[in-house]
Amino acid sequence: MTLPKAGLCAKMQPMTDQSQTIMTAPASQAAQATPSGEAKLNPSDLAHKIVDLAEEKQAVDITLLDLGKVTVLADYFVICTAESSRQTIAILDSIAIELKKAGVLPLHPAEGDPTAGWTLLDYGDVVVHVFDAATRSFYNLEQLWKDAPVVLKIQ
């Protein structure tokens, strides 16, 4: 395989004007930023709030894993099961709406599709996984992250 000569390649244009400054915030700040810029919930409180919201929408088999000493991906995983795609939507909506009221926004829109069996909300320090029973059994995140301590488990 030969590479094209430098003169034949298209010139890359910068994505921003050189005078512009790009500001970024660490994931933990972005996930907990409020409109006024102040943080409201620490990762542990955020994770427990999410567990409470999922439980209010009758999610089953809720597990809270403390990933802090195992990985840098997140501090906590909240894993729960919904018994239908409608319930998945209700759980995700409840979490997103209530946390937005508290000024906490996810880093990205929900990933996955409620009808596909696994949907994820990423709040930086806390990642929420809502599964259907078959998909949760197949991926078995608790086994995959078995080195992470279980903070709580609600059947």
N, C-alpha and C. Protein backbone atom coordinates (compact mmCIF):
# COMPACT_ATOMS: atom_id res chain seq x y z
N MET A 1 0.85 -1.17 0.00
CA MET A 1 0.00 0.00 0.00
C MET A 1 0.89 1.23 0.00
N THR A 2 0.60 2.15 -0.87
CA THR A 2 1.38 3.38 -0.90
C THR A 2 0.51 4.54 -0.45
N LEU A 3 1.13 5.46 0.23
CA LEU A 3 0.42 6.63 0.71
C LEU A 3 0.49 7.73 -0.33
N PRO A 4 -0.53 8.55 -0.46
CA PRO A 4 -0.49 9.65 -1.42
C PRO A 4 0.56 10.66 -1.00
N LYS A 5 1.08 11.35 -1.98
CA LYS A 5 2.07 12.38 -1.69
C LYS A 5 1.40 13.51 -0.93
N ALA A 6 2.18 14.21 -0.13
CA ALA A 6 1.64 15.26 0.72
C ALA A 6 0.90 16.32 -0.09
N GLY A 7 1.35 16.63 -1.26
CA GLY A 7 0.73 17.66 -2.07
C GLY A 7 -0.64 17.26 -2.57
N LEU A 8 -0.95 15.96 -2.59
CA LEU A 8 -2.23 15.49 -3.10
C LEU A 8 -3.32 15.43 -2.03
N CYS A 9 -2.93 15.50 -0.77
CA CYS A 9 -3.91 15.43 0.32
C CYS A 9 -4.61 16.77 0.50
N ALA A 10 -5.86 16.72 0.85
CA ALA A 10 -6.60 17.96 1.12
C ALA A 10 -6.04 18.59 2.39
N LYS A 11 -5.99 19.89 2.39
CA LYS A 11 -5.51 20.59 3.58
C LYS A 11 -6.60 20.58 4.63
N MET A 12 -6.20 20.35 5.86
CA MET A 12 -7.16 20.34 6.95
C MET A 12 -7.39 21.76 7.43
N GLN A 13 -8.61 22.09 7.67
CA GLN A 13 -8.97 23.41 8.17
C GLN A 13 -9.22 23.30 9.67
N PRO A 14 -8.77 24.27 10.46
CA PRO A 14 -9.07 24.22 11.89
C PRO A 14 -10.57 24.34 12.11
N MET A 15 -11.06 23.65 13.14
CA MET A 15 -12.50 23.67 13.43
C MET A 15 -12.93 24.98 14.08
N THR A 16 -12.00 25.68 14.70
CA THR A 16 -12.34 26.94 15.34
C THR A 16 -11.39 28.01 14.86
N ASP A 17 -11.82 29.24 14.99
CA ASP A 17 -10.97 30.37 14.70
C ASP A 17 -9.87 30.39 15.76
N GLN A 18 -8.67 30.73 15.39
CA GLN A 18 -7.54 30.73 16.32
C GLN A 18 -7.79 31.64 17.53
N SER A 19 -8.63 32.65 17.37
CA SER A 19 -8.89 33.58 18.47
C SER A 19 -9.91 33.02 19.47
N GLN A 20 -10.59 31.91 19.12
CA GLN A 20 -11.59 31.34 20.01
C GLN A 20 -10.93 30.45 21.06
N THR A 21 -11.49 30.45 22.23
CA THR A 21 -11.02 29.57 23.29
C THR A 21 -12.09 28.53 23.54
N ILE A 22 -11.68 27.29 23.61
CA ILE A 22 -12.62 26.21 23.89
C ILE A 22 -12.55 25.90 25.37
N MET A 23 -13.68 26.00 26.05
CA MET A 23 -13.74 25.75 27.48
C MET A 23 -14.37 24.38 27.71
N THR A 24 -13.74 23.57 28.53
CA THR A 24 -14.33 22.28 28.89
C THR A 24 -14.29 22.16 30.40
N ALA A 25 -15.13 21.30 30.93
CA ALA A 25 -15.16 21.05 32.36
C ALA A 25 -14.99 19.56 32.57
N PRO A 26 -14.39 19.16 33.69
CA PRO A 26 -14.30 17.73 33.99
C PRO A 26 -15.69 17.12 34.00
N ALA A 27 -15.76 15.83 33.71
CA ALA A 27 -17.05 15.14 33.63
C ALA A 27 -17.84 15.30 34.91
N SER A 28 -17.18 15.25 36.07
CA SER A 28 -17.91 15.34 37.32
C SER A 28 -18.56 16.71 37.48
N GLN A 29 -17.92 17.76 37.00
CA GLN A 29 -18.52 19.09 37.07
C GLN A 29 -19.64 19.22 36.05
N ALA A 30 -19.43 18.70 34.85
CA ALA A 30 -20.45 18.80 33.81
C ALA A 30 -21.71 18.08 34.23
N ALA A 31 -21.58 16.94 34.84
CA ALA A 31 -22.75 16.16 35.22
C ALA A 31 -23.53 16.82 36.34
N GLN A 32 -22.85 17.64 37.14
CA GLN A 32 -23.52 18.20 38.28
C GLN A 32 -23.66 19.71 38.18
N ALA A 33 -23.41 20.27 37.02
CA ALA A 33 -23.51 21.71 36.88
C ALA A 33 -24.96 22.16 36.97
N THR A 34 -25.17 23.24 37.66
CA THR A 34 -26.49 23.83 37.74
C THR A 34 -26.49 25.07 36.87
N PRO A 35 -27.66 25.61 36.56
CA PRO A 35 -27.69 26.83 35.75
C PRO A 35 -26.86 27.95 36.35
N SER A 36 -26.76 28.00 37.68
CA SER A 36 -25.97 29.05 38.31
C SER A 36 -24.51 28.67 38.42
N GLY A 37 -24.16 27.42 38.02
CA GLY A 37 -22.77 26.98 38.03
C GLY A 37 -22.34 26.29 39.31
N GLU A 38 -23.24 26.14 40.28
CA GLU A 38 -22.85 25.50 41.52
C GLU A 38 -23.26 24.03 41.52
N ALA A 39 -22.45 23.19 42.15
CA ALA A 39 -22.76 21.76 42.22
C ALA A 39 -23.77 21.53 43.34
N LYS A 40 -24.74 20.63 43.12
CA LYS A 40 -25.77 20.38 44.13
C LYS A 40 -25.65 19.01 44.77
N LEU A 41 -25.24 18.00 44.01
CA LEU A 41 -25.20 16.64 44.53
C LEU A 41 -23.82 16.04 44.33
N ASN A 42 -23.28 15.43 45.38
CA ASN A 42 -22.03 14.69 45.17
C ASN A 42 -22.37 13.35 44.53
N PRO A 43 -21.40 12.63 44.01
CA PRO A 43 -21.71 11.38 43.29
C PRO A 43 -22.51 10.36 44.11
N SER A 44 -22.20 10.22 45.38
CA SER A 44 -22.93 9.26 46.22
C SER A 44 -24.40 9.68 46.37
N ASP A 45 -24.62 10.96 46.65
CA ASP A 45 -26.00 11.45 46.78
C ASP A 45 -26.76 11.32 45.47
N LEU A 46 -26.08 11.62 44.36
CA LEU A 46 -26.70 11.49 43.05
C LEU A 46 -27.10 10.04 42.78
N ALA A 47 -26.21 9.11 43.06
CA ALA A 47 -26.50 7.69 42.84
C ALA A 47 -27.70 7.24 43.68
N HIS A 48 -27.73 7.65 44.96
CA HIS A 48 -28.85 7.26 45.82
C HIS A 48 -30.16 7.91 45.38
N LYS A 49 -30.10 9.13 44.89
CA LYS A 49 -31.29 9.80 44.36
C LYS A 49 -31.83 9.04 43.16
N ILE A 50 -30.93 8.59 42.28
CA ILE A 50 -31.34 7.83 41.10
C ILE A 50 -31.98 6.51 41.51
N VAL A 51 -31.40 5.85 42.50
CA VAL A 51 -31.99 4.60 43.01
C VAL A 51 -33.41 4.86 43.51
N ASP A 52 -33.59 5.94 44.28
CA ASP A 52 -34.92 6.27 44.80
C ASP A 52 -35.91 6.52 43.67
N LEU A 53 -35.48 7.25 42.64
CA LEU A 53 -36.36 7.55 41.51
C LEU A 53 -36.73 6.29 40.74
N ALA A 54 -35.77 5.40 40.54
CA ALA A 54 -36.07 4.14 39.85
C ALA A 54 -37.02 3.29 40.67
N GLU A 55 -36.82 3.28 41.98
CA GLU A 55 -37.70 2.50 42.85
C GLU A 55 -39.12 3.07 42.83
N GLU A 56 -39.26 4.39 42.77
CA GLU A 56 -40.59 5.01 42.70
C GLU A 56 -41.35 4.56 41.45
N LYS A 57 -40.62 4.29 40.37
CA LYS A 57 -41.27 3.83 39.13
C LYS A 57 -41.29 2.31 39.05
N GLN A 58 -41.09 1.67 40.20
CA GLN A 58 -41.21 0.23 40.36
C GLN A 58 -40.22 -0.58 39.53
N ALA A 59 -39.02 -0.04 39.34
CA ALA A 59 -37.94 -0.84 38.76
C ALA A 59 -37.66 -1.99 39.71
N VAL A 60 -37.24 -3.11 39.19
CA VAL A 60 -36.95 -4.28 40.04
C VAL A 60 -35.46 -4.59 39.99
N ASP A 61 -35.02 -5.32 41.01
CA ASP A 61 -33.63 -5.78 41.10
C ASP A 61 -32.66 -4.61 40.89
N ILE A 62 -32.81 -3.58 41.71
CA ILE A 62 -31.95 -2.40 41.61
C ILE A 62 -30.65 -2.68 42.35
N THR A 63 -29.53 -2.44 41.67
CA THR A 63 -28.21 -2.64 42.25
C THR A 63 -27.40 -1.37 42.09
N LEU A 64 -26.73 -0.96 43.16
CA LEU A 64 -25.83 0.19 43.12
C LEU A 64 -24.42 -0.32 43.36
N LEU A 65 -23.56 -0.17 42.35
CA LEU A 65 -22.17 -0.61 42.45
C LEU A 65 -21.26 0.60 42.63
N ASP A 66 -20.28 0.48 43.53
CA ASP A 66 -19.28 1.52 43.74
C ASP A 66 -18.06 1.18 42.90
N LEU A 67 -17.90 1.87 41.79
CA LEU A 67 -16.80 1.59 40.87
C LEU A 67 -15.56 2.42 41.13
N GLY A 68 -15.62 3.29 42.11
CA GLY A 68 -14.55 4.25 42.36
C GLY A 68 -13.15 3.68 42.46
N LYS A 69 -12.99 2.53 43.07
CA LYS A 69 -11.67 1.94 43.25
C LYS A 69 -11.32 0.93 42.16
N VAL A 70 -12.27 0.70 41.24
CA VAL A 70 -12.09 -0.32 40.21
C VAL A 70 -11.77 0.29 38.84
N THR A 71 -12.33 1.47 38.56
CA THR A 71 -12.17 2.07 37.24
C THR A 71 -12.30 3.59 37.35
N VAL A 72 -11.87 4.27 36.30
CA VAL A 72 -12.06 5.71 36.22
C VAL A 72 -13.27 6.07 35.35
N LEU A 73 -13.96 5.07 34.83
CA LEU A 73 -15.13 5.32 33.97
C LEU A 73 -16.22 6.08 34.69
N ALA A 74 -16.48 5.70 35.93
CA ALA A 74 -17.54 6.33 36.72
C ALA A 74 -17.31 5.95 38.17
N ASP A 75 -17.96 6.68 39.07
CA ASP A 75 -17.88 6.32 40.48
C ASP A 75 -18.93 5.27 40.84
N TYR A 76 -20.09 5.34 40.18
CA TYR A 76 -21.19 4.43 40.50
C TYR A 76 -21.91 3.97 39.24
N PHE A 77 -22.39 2.74 39.28
CA PHE A 77 -23.35 2.22 38.30
C PHE A 77 -24.64 1.96 39.06
N VAL A 78 -25.74 2.44 38.51
CA VAL A 78 -27.06 2.05 38.99
C VAL A 78 -27.62 1.13 37.91
N ILE A 79 -27.91 -0.11 38.29
CA ILE A 79 -28.40 -1.11 37.35
C ILE A 79 -29.78 -1.54 37.82
N CYS A 80 -30.74 -1.50 36.92
CA CYS A 80 -32.09 -1.93 37.30
C CYS A 80 -32.79 -2.59 36.12
N THR A 81 -33.88 -3.26 36.43
CA THR A 81 -34.65 -3.97 35.41
C THR A 81 -36.06 -3.38 35.33
N ALA A 82 -36.49 -3.19 34.10
CA ALA A 82 -37.87 -2.77 33.84
C ALA A 82 -38.61 -3.95 33.22
N GLU A 83 -39.88 -4.06 33.51
CA GLU A 83 -40.65 -5.21 33.04
C GLU A 83 -41.30 -4.98 31.68
N SER A 84 -41.17 -3.77 31.13
CA SER A 84 -41.70 -3.48 29.79
C SER A 84 -40.98 -2.26 29.24
N SER A 85 -41.09 -2.05 27.93
CA SER A 85 -40.46 -0.86 27.34
C SER A 85 -41.14 0.41 27.85
N ARG A 86 -42.44 0.33 28.14
CA ARG A 86 -43.16 1.48 28.72
C ARG A 86 -42.60 1.84 30.08
N GLN A 87 -42.32 0.83 30.88
CA GLN A 87 -41.76 1.08 32.21
C GLN A 87 -40.35 1.63 32.08
N THR A 88 -39.58 1.14 31.11
CA THR A 88 -38.23 1.68 30.87
C THR A 88 -38.31 3.18 30.60
N ILE A 89 -39.24 3.57 29.74
CA ILE A 89 -39.41 4.98 29.42
C ILE A 89 -39.80 5.78 30.66
N ALA A 90 -40.70 5.23 31.47
CA ALA A 90 -41.14 5.91 32.69
C ALA A 90 -39.98 6.11 33.66
N ILE A 91 -39.15 5.09 33.81
CA ILE A 91 -37.99 5.18 34.71
C ILE A 91 -37.02 6.24 34.21
N LEU A 92 -36.66 6.17 32.93
CA LEU A 92 -35.71 7.12 32.35
C LEU A 92 -36.24 8.55 32.42
N ASP A 93 -37.52 8.72 32.08
CA ASP A 93 -38.12 10.06 32.12
C ASP A 93 -38.13 10.61 33.54
N SER A 94 -38.49 9.79 34.49
CA SER A 94 -38.53 10.24 35.88
C SER A 94 -37.15 10.69 36.35
N ILE A 95 -36.14 9.89 36.05
CA ILE A 95 -34.77 10.25 36.45
C ILE A 95 -34.35 11.56 35.78
N ALA A 96 -34.53 11.64 34.47
CA ALA A 96 -34.10 12.82 33.73
C ALA A 96 -34.83 14.08 34.19
N ILE A 97 -36.14 13.98 34.36
CA ILE A 97 -36.94 15.16 34.74
C ILE A 97 -36.62 15.62 36.15
N GLU A 98 -36.58 14.70 37.09
CA GLU A 98 -36.33 15.08 38.48
C GLU A 98 -34.91 15.62 38.67
N LEU A 99 -33.93 15.03 38.02
CA LEU A 99 -32.57 15.53 38.16
C LEU A 99 -32.40 16.87 37.46
N LYS A 100 -33.11 17.06 36.35
CA LYS A 100 -33.07 18.36 35.68
C LYS A 100 -33.61 19.45 36.60
N LYS A 101 -34.67 19.13 37.36
CA LYS A 101 -35.22 20.08 38.32
C LYS A 101 -34.18 20.46 39.37
N ALA A 102 -33.31 19.51 39.69
CA ALA A 102 -32.23 19.76 40.66
C ALA A 102 -31.01 20.38 39.99
N GLY A 103 -31.10 20.62 38.68
CA GLY A 103 -29.99 21.23 37.96
C GLY A 103 -28.93 20.26 37.50
N VAL A 104 -29.25 18.97 37.49
CA VAL A 104 -28.28 17.95 37.08
C VAL A 104 -28.70 17.41 35.72
N LEU A 105 -27.81 17.53 34.76
CA LEU A 105 -28.09 17.09 33.39
C LEU A 105 -27.17 15.96 32.99
N PRO A 106 -27.64 15.02 32.16
CA PRO A 106 -26.74 13.97 31.66
C PRO A 106 -25.73 14.56 30.70
N LEU A 107 -24.61 13.86 30.54
CA LEU A 107 -23.58 14.32 29.61
C LEU A 107 -24.06 14.24 28.17
N HIS A 108 -24.91 13.25 27.88
CA HIS A 108 -25.43 13.01 26.54
C HIS A 108 -26.90 12.61 26.66
N PRO A 109 -27.64 12.67 25.57
CA PRO A 109 -29.00 12.12 25.62
C PRO A 109 -28.93 10.62 25.93
N ALA A 110 -30.05 10.05 26.32
CA ALA A 110 -30.09 8.62 26.63
C ALA A 110 -29.55 7.81 25.46
N GLU A 111 -28.77 6.80 25.79
CA GLU A 111 -28.21 5.93 24.76
C GLU A 111 -28.96 4.61 24.78
N GLY A 112 -29.25 4.11 23.58
CA GLY A 112 -30.00 2.87 23.47
C GLY A 112 -31.46 3.16 23.20
N ASP A 113 -32.22 2.11 23.07
CA ASP A 113 -33.64 2.24 22.77
C ASP A 113 -34.41 1.39 23.77
N PRO A 114 -35.44 1.95 24.38
CA PRO A 114 -36.19 1.18 25.37
C PRO A 114 -36.71 -0.16 24.85
N THR A 115 -36.97 -0.26 23.55
CA THR A 115 -37.46 -1.53 23.00
C THR A 115 -36.33 -2.51 22.73
N ALA A 116 -35.07 -2.05 22.80
CA ALA A 116 -33.92 -2.92 22.53
C ALA A 116 -33.45 -3.67 23.76
N GLY A 117 -33.95 -3.30 24.94
CA GLY A 117 -33.60 -4.06 26.14
C GLY A 117 -32.56 -3.42 27.03
N TRP A 118 -31.87 -2.37 26.58
CA TRP A 118 -30.84 -1.75 27.42
C TRP A 118 -30.77 -0.28 27.05
N THR A 119 -31.00 0.58 28.03
CA THR A 119 -30.88 2.02 27.83
C THR A 119 -30.00 2.57 28.93
N LEU A 120 -29.22 3.58 28.59
CA LEU A 120 -28.22 4.10 29.49
C LEU A 120 -28.33 5.62 29.59
N LEU A 121 -28.22 6.14 30.81
CA LEU A 121 -28.09 7.57 31.05
C LEU A 121 -26.74 7.80 31.72
N ASP A 122 -25.94 8.71 31.17
CA ASP A 122 -24.59 8.97 31.67
C ASP A 122 -24.55 10.33 32.35
N TYR A 123 -24.41 10.31 33.67
CA TYR A 123 -24.28 11.55 34.43
C TYR A 123 -22.83 11.78 34.85
N GLY A 124 -21.89 11.22 34.13
CA GLY A 124 -20.47 11.40 34.43
C GLY A 124 -20.02 10.48 35.54
N ASP A 125 -20.22 10.89 36.77
CA ASP A 125 -19.82 10.08 37.92
C ASP A 125 -20.76 8.91 38.16
N VAL A 126 -21.98 9.02 37.65
CA VAL A 126 -22.98 7.96 37.85
C VAL A 126 -23.57 7.59 36.49
N VAL A 127 -23.53 6.29 36.17
CA VAL A 127 -24.11 5.79 34.93
C VAL A 127 -25.29 4.89 35.29
N VAL A 128 -26.43 5.16 34.66
CA VAL A 128 -27.67 4.43 34.93
C VAL A 128 -27.92 3.45 33.78
N HIS A 129 -28.09 2.18 34.13
CA HIS A 129 -28.41 1.13 33.14
C HIS A 129 -29.80 0.60 33.44
N VAL A 130 -30.71 0.73 32.46
CA VAL A 130 -32.06 0.18 32.61
C VAL A 130 -32.21 -0.94 31.58
N PHE A 131 -32.40 -2.15 32.07
CA PHE A 131 -32.47 -3.34 31.22
C PHE A 131 -33.86 -3.94 31.24
N ASP A 132 -34.14 -4.79 30.22
CA ASP A 132 -35.21 -5.75 30.38
C ASP A 132 -34.55 -7.00 30.97
N ALA A 133 -35.33 -7.93 31.49
CA ALA A 133 -34.78 -9.07 32.23
C ALA A 133 -33.83 -9.92 31.39
N ALA A 134 -34.22 -10.23 30.16
CA ALA A 134 -33.39 -11.11 29.31
C ALA A 134 -32.04 -10.45 28.97
N THR A 135 -32.07 -9.17 28.65
CA THR A 135 -30.83 -8.48 28.28
C THR A 135 -29.92 -8.33 29.49
N ARG A 136 -30.51 -8.05 30.64
CA ARG A 136 -29.69 -7.93 31.86
C ARG A 136 -29.01 -9.26 32.19
N SER A 137 -29.75 -10.34 32.05
CA SER A 137 -29.19 -11.66 32.31
C SER A 137 -28.06 -11.97 31.32
N PHE A 138 -28.24 -11.58 30.06
CA PHE A 138 -27.24 -11.85 29.03
C PHE A 138 -25.94 -11.09 29.30
N TYR A 139 -26.03 -9.79 29.58
CA TYR A 139 -24.82 -8.98 29.77
C TYR A 139 -24.24 -9.10 31.17
N ASN A 140 -25.06 -9.37 32.16
CA ASN A 140 -24.63 -9.65 33.53
C ASN A 140 -23.54 -8.68 34.01
N LEU A 141 -23.87 -7.40 34.03
CA LEU A 141 -22.89 -6.38 34.44
C LEU A 141 -22.36 -6.59 35.85
N GLU A 142 -23.20 -7.12 36.74
CA GLU A 142 -22.72 -7.36 38.10
C GLU A 142 -21.56 -8.35 38.11
N GLN A 143 -21.59 -9.35 37.26
CA GLN A 143 -20.48 -10.30 37.16
C GLN A 143 -19.28 -9.65 36.49
N LEU A 144 -19.54 -8.88 35.45
CA LEU A 144 -18.45 -8.19 34.75
C LEU A 144 -17.70 -7.25 35.68
N TRP A 145 -18.43 -6.57 36.56
CA TRP A 145 -17.83 -5.63 37.51
C TRP A 145 -17.82 -6.22 38.92
N LYS A 146 -17.55 -7.52 39.03
CA LYS A 146 -17.62 -8.21 40.32
C LYS A 146 -16.65 -7.68 41.37
N ASP A 147 -15.60 -6.98 40.93
CA ASP A 147 -14.64 -6.41 41.89
C ASP A 147 -15.16 -5.13 42.52
N ALA A 148 -16.23 -4.58 41.99
CA ALA A 148 -16.82 -3.36 42.55
C ALA A 148 -17.75 -3.72 43.71
N PRO A 149 -17.57 -3.06 44.84
CA PRO A 149 -18.46 -3.35 45.98
C PRO A 149 -19.91 -2.99 45.67
N VAL A 150 -20.82 -3.83 46.15
CA VAL A 150 -22.25 -3.57 46.03
C VAL A 150 -22.63 -2.66 47.20
N VAL A 151 -23.09 -1.45 46.90
CA VAL A 151 -23.49 -0.50 47.93
C VAL A 151 -24.87 -0.87 48.45
N LEU A 152 -25.79 -1.19 47.53
CA LEU A 152 -27.11 -1.64 47.94
C LEU A 152 -27.74 -2.46 46.82
N LYS A 153 -28.65 -3.30 47.23
CA LYS A 153 -29.38 -4.15 46.29
C LYS A 153 -30.82 -4.21 46.77
N ILE A 154 -31.74 -3.83 45.89
CA ILE A 154 -33.16 -3.85 46.21
C ILE A 154 -33.84 -4.84 45.28
N GLN A 155 -34.45 -5.85 45.85
CA GLN A 155 -35.12 -6.87 45.04
C GLN A 155 -36.46 -6.34 44.70
